[in-house]
Amino acid sequence: MSKIGVYSLALSIALCLSTSFEAQAGGGRPHQNQWAPQQCATLQSGTPGYKDCMASVASSSRMKMVNADTQLKSQPNSASPAVGILNKGTQVAMIERTANGFWCHVQSGGFSGYVPFEVLN
């Protein structure tokens, strides 16, 4: 067999393998994540857009609203210094609740601190 014949055969095998792989991967149709939340289902998993969408869905379930003006404390106790003021109606992301359940670690507008659990809806 000539060199051209060998290269043709190798190219044919490579094309055949790549075609069968593409067919197994969905044949070029858009990927859908059947188990993802509805708003993220059409995004391809592993992409930055999918990760951002999933993070947004997760954080939206932790969103709380402040129901009274309160100080954002640096530590989970009333004697700690305030790092800011949260006005009634401010949306915060609840990061965690302290072990005693009285304080919540929250984040809002680039600031992070603690507020009493009772001021969150």
C-alpha atoms as a PDB file:
ATOM      1  CA  MET A   1       0.000   0.000   0.000  1.00  0.00           C
ATOM      2  CA  SER A   2       1.382   3.455  -0.882  1.00  0.00           C
ATOM      3  CA  LYS A   3       1.914   6.280   1.633  1.00  0.00           C
ATOM      4  CA  ILE A   4      -1.137   8.083   0.244  1.00  0.00           C
ATOM      5  CA  GLY A   5      -3.242   4.967   0.750  1.00  0.00           C
ATOM      6  CA  VAL A   6      -2.056   4.629   4.366  1.00  0.00           C
ATOM      7  CA  TYR A   7      -2.825   8.286   5.078  1.00  0.00           C
ATOM      8  CA  SER A   8      -6.248   7.966   3.436  1.00  0.00           C
ATOM      9  CA  LEU A   9      -7.034   4.922   5.529  1.00  0.00           C
ATOM     10  CA  ALA A  10      -5.893   6.657   8.723  1.00  0.00           C
ATOM     11  CA  LEU A  11      -7.956   9.735   7.868  1.00  0.00           C
ATOM     12  CA  SER A  12     -11.012   7.597   7.126  1.00  0.00           C
ATOM     13  CA  ILE A  13     -10.709   5.810  10.475  1.00  0.00           C
ATOM     14  CA  ALA A  14     -10.237   9.107  12.323  1.00  0.00           C
ATOM     15  CA  LEU A  15     -13.318  10.626  10.657  1.00  0.00           C
ATOM     16  CA  CYS A  16     -15.347   7.527  11.370  1.00  0.00           C
ATOM     17  CA  LEU A  17     -14.370   7.585  15.057  1.00  0.00           C
ATOM     18  CA  SER A  18     -15.047  11.298  15.430  1.00  0.00           C
ATOM     19  CA  THR A  19     -18.462  10.931  13.779  1.00  0.00           C
ATOM     20  CA  SER A  20     -19.488   8.097  16.092  1.00  0.00           C
ATOM     21  CA  PHE A  21     -18.225  10.062  19.125  1.00  0.00           C
ATOM     22  CA  GLU A  22     -20.231  13.119  18.081  1.00  0.00           C
ATOM     23  CA  ALA A  23     -23.350  11.015  17.706  1.00  0.00           C
ATOM     24  CA  GLN A  24     -22.887   9.639  21.215  1.00  0.00           C
ATOM     25  CA  ALA A  25     -22.398  13.159  22.580  1.00  0.00           C
ATOM     26  CA  GLY A  26     -25.746  14.346  21.288  1.00  0.00           C
ATOM     27  CA  GLY A  27     -24.998  14.943  17.620  1.00  0.00           C
ATOM     28  CA  GLY A  28     -24.515  18.680  18.035  1.00  0.00           C
ATOM     29  CA  ARG A  29     -27.928  19.270  19.619  1.00  0.00           C
ATOM     30  CA  PRO A  30     -28.041  21.707  22.570  1.00  0.00           C
ATOM     31  CA  HIS A  31     -27.209  20.068  25.880  1.00  0.00           C
ATOM     32  CA  GLN A  32     -29.921  20.113  28.538  1.00  0.00           C
ATOM     33  CA  ASN A  33     -29.521  19.398  32.225  1.00  0.00           C
ATOM     34  CA  GLN A  34     -32.649  17.476  33.130  1.00  0.00           C
ATOM     35  CA  TRP A  35     -32.018  17.644  36.879  1.00  0.00           C
ATOM     36  CA  ALA A  36     -30.991  21.294  37.095  1.00  0.00           C
ATOM     37  CA  PRO A  37     -33.415  24.020  38.220  1.00  0.00           C
ATOM     38  CA  GLN A  38     -35.612  25.176  35.341  1.00  0.00           C
ATOM     39  CA  GLN A  39     -33.787  28.475  34.814  1.00  0.00           C
ATOM     40  CA  CYS A  40     -30.419  26.634  34.488  1.00  0.00           C
ATOM     41  CA  ALA A  41     -31.597  23.586  32.492  1.00  0.00           C
ATOM     42  CA  THR A  42     -30.616  24.895  29.049  1.00  0.00           C
ATOM     43  CA  LEU A  43     -27.059  25.801  30.084  1.00  0.00           C
ATOM     44  CA  GLN A  44     -24.252  23.310  29.601  1.00  0.00           C
ATOM     45  CA  SER A  45     -22.929  21.992  32.921  1.00  0.00           C
ATOM     46  CA  GLY A  46     -19.368  22.932  33.764  1.00  0.00           C
ATOM     47  CA  THR A  47     -19.541  26.290  31.984  1.00  0.00           C
ATOM     48  CA  PRO A  48     -19.177  29.588  33.872  1.00  0.00           C
ATOM     49  CA  GLY A  49     -22.765  30.533  32.967  1.00  0.00           C
ATOM     50  CA  TYR A  50     -24.123  27.305  34.445  1.00  0.00           C
ATOM     51  CA  LYS A  51     -22.074  27.734  37.627  1.00  0.00           C
ATOM     52  CA  ASP A  52     -23.265  31.344  38.007  1.00  0.00           C
ATOM     53  CA  CYS A  53     -26.869  30.279  37.456  1.00  0.00           C
ATOM     54  CA  MET A  54     -26.637  27.504  40.052  1.00  0.00           C
ATOM     55  CA  ALA A  55     -24.989  29.870  42.562  1.00  0.00           C
ATOM     56  CA  SER A  56     -27.743  32.426  41.991  1.00  0.00           C
ATOM     57  CA  VAL A  57     -30.445  29.809  42.599  1.00  0.00           C
ATOM     58  CA  ALA A  58     -28.717  28.634  45.783  1.00  0.00           C
ATOM     59  CA  SER A  59     -28.223  32.150  47.140  1.00  0.00           C
ATOM     60  CA  SER A  60     -31.786  33.247  46.377  1.00  0.00           C
ATOM     61  CA  SER A  61     -33.079  30.654  48.843  1.00  0.00           C
ATOM     62  CA  ARG A  62     -30.921  32.279  51.554  1.00  0.00           C
ATOM     63  CA  MET A  63     -32.090  35.828  50.872  1.00  0.00           C
ATOM     64  CA  LYS A  64     -33.735  37.483  53.854  1.00  0.00           C
ATOM     65  CA  MET A  65     -35.178  40.916  54.498  1.00  0.00           C
ATOM     66  CA  VAL A  66     -34.371  43.069  57.525  1.00  0.00           C
ATOM     67  CA  ASN A  67     -37.655  43.888  59.326  1.00  0.00           C
ATOM     68  CA  ALA A  68     -36.273  46.678  61.578  1.00  0.00           C
ATOM     69  CA  ASP A  69     -33.355  49.110  61.483  1.00  0.00           C
ATOM     70  CA  THR A  70     -30.393  47.338  63.064  1.00  0.00           C
ATOM     71  CA  GLN A  71     -26.635  47.484  63.430  1.00  0.00           C
ATOM     72  CA  LEU A  72     -24.444  45.105  61.457  1.00  0.00           C
ATOM     73  CA  LYS A  73     -22.009  43.810  64.093  1.00  0.00           C
ATOM     74  CA  SER A  74     -18.438  42.585  63.534  1.00  0.00           C
ATOM     75  CA  GLN A  75     -18.939  39.664  65.954  1.00  0.00           C
ATOM     76  CA  PRO A  76     -22.058  37.767  67.097  1.00  0.00           C
ATOM     77  CA  ASN A  77     -22.582  39.703  70.332  1.00  0.00           C
ATOM     78  CA  SER A  78     -24.193  43.002  71.262  1.00  0.00           C
ATOM     79  CA  ALA A  79     -20.952  44.451  72.694  1.00  0.00           C
ATOM     80  CA  SER A  80     -18.996  44.131  69.414  1.00  0.00           C
ATOM     81  CA  PRO A  81     -18.445  47.222  67.267  1.00  0.00           C
ATOM     82  CA  ALA A  82     -20.887  47.974  64.460  1.00  0.00           C
ATOM     83  CA  VAL A  83     -19.560  47.805  60.895  1.00  0.00           C
ATOM     84  CA  GLY A  84     -22.678  49.418  59.448  1.00  0.00           C
ATOM     85  CA  ILE A  85     -26.400  50.016  59.730  1.00  0.00           C
ATOM     86  CA  LEU A  86     -29.031  47.936  57.927  1.00  0.00           C
ATOM     87  CA  ASN A  87     -32.297  49.770  57.348  1.00  0.00           C
ATOM     88  CA  LYS A  88     -35.704  48.123  57.444  1.00  0.00           C
ATOM     89  CA  GLY A  89     -36.403  46.497  54.057  1.00  0.00           C
ATOM     90  CA  THR A  90     -32.736  45.812  53.193  1.00  0.00           C
ATOM     91  CA  GLN A  91     -32.140  42.484  51.425  1.00  0.00           C
ATOM     92  CA  VAL A  92     -29.319  40.392  52.916  1.00  0.00           C
ATOM     93  CA  ALA A  93     -27.822  37.015  52.093  1.00  0.00           C
ATOM     94  CA  MET A  94     -27.812  34.789  55.163  1.00  0.00           C
ATOM     95  CA  ILE A  95     -24.492  32.931  55.265  1.00  0.00           C
ATOM     96  CA  GLU A  96     -25.079  30.967  58.462  1.00  0.00           C
ATOM     97  CA  ARG A  97     -26.819  30.990  61.807  1.00  0.00           C
ATOM     98  CA  THR A  98     -24.673  30.806  64.950  1.00  0.00           C
ATOM     99  CA  ALA A  99     -24.728  27.691  67.130  1.00  0.00           C
ATOM    100  CA  ASN A 100     -26.901  29.353  69.769  1.00  0.00           C
ATOM    101  CA  GLY A 101     -29.367  30.417  67.048  1.00  0.00           C
ATOM    102  CA  PHE A 102     -29.565  34.023  68.203  1.00  0.00           C
ATOM    103  CA  TRP A 103     -27.239  35.616  65.622  1.00  0.00           C
ATOM    104  CA  CYS A 104     -26.989  35.277  61.841  1.00  0.00           C
ATOM    105  CA  HIS A 105     -23.926  35.937  59.711  1.00  0.00           C
ATOM    106  CA  VAL A 106     -25.186  38.022  56.769  1.00  0.00           C
ATOM    107  CA  GLN A 107     -23.792  39.829  53.752  1.00  0.00           C
ATOM    108  CA  SER A 108     -25.163  42.932  52.069  1.00  0.00           C
ATOM    109  CA  GLY A 109     -23.698  45.502  49.702  1.00  0.00           C
ATOM    110  CA  GLY A 110     -20.152  44.201  50.074  1.00  0.00           C
ATOM    111  CA  PHE A 111     -20.337  44.224  53.881  1.00  0.00           C
ATOM    112  CA  SER A 112     -20.390  41.156  56.061  1.00  0.00           C
ATOM    113  CA  GLY A 113     -21.365  40.921  59.729  1.00  0.00           C
ATOM    114  CA  TYR A 114     -23.845  39.650  62.289  1.00  0.00           C
ATOM    115  CA  VAL A 115     -27.428  40.607  63.104  1.00  0.00           C
ATOM    116  CA  PRO A 116     -29.896  39.148  65.602  1.00  0.00           C
ATOM    117  CA  PHE A 117     -32.025  36.426  63.990  1.00  0.00           C
ATOM    118  CA  GLU A 118     -35.215  38.159  65.154  1.00  0.00           C
ATOM    119  CA  VAL A 119     -34.675  41.091  62.735  1.00  0.00           C
ATOM    120  CA  LEU A 120     -34.798  38.841  59.645  1.00  0.00           C
ATOM    121  CA  ASN A 121     -37.920  37.738  57.756  1.00  0.00           C
END
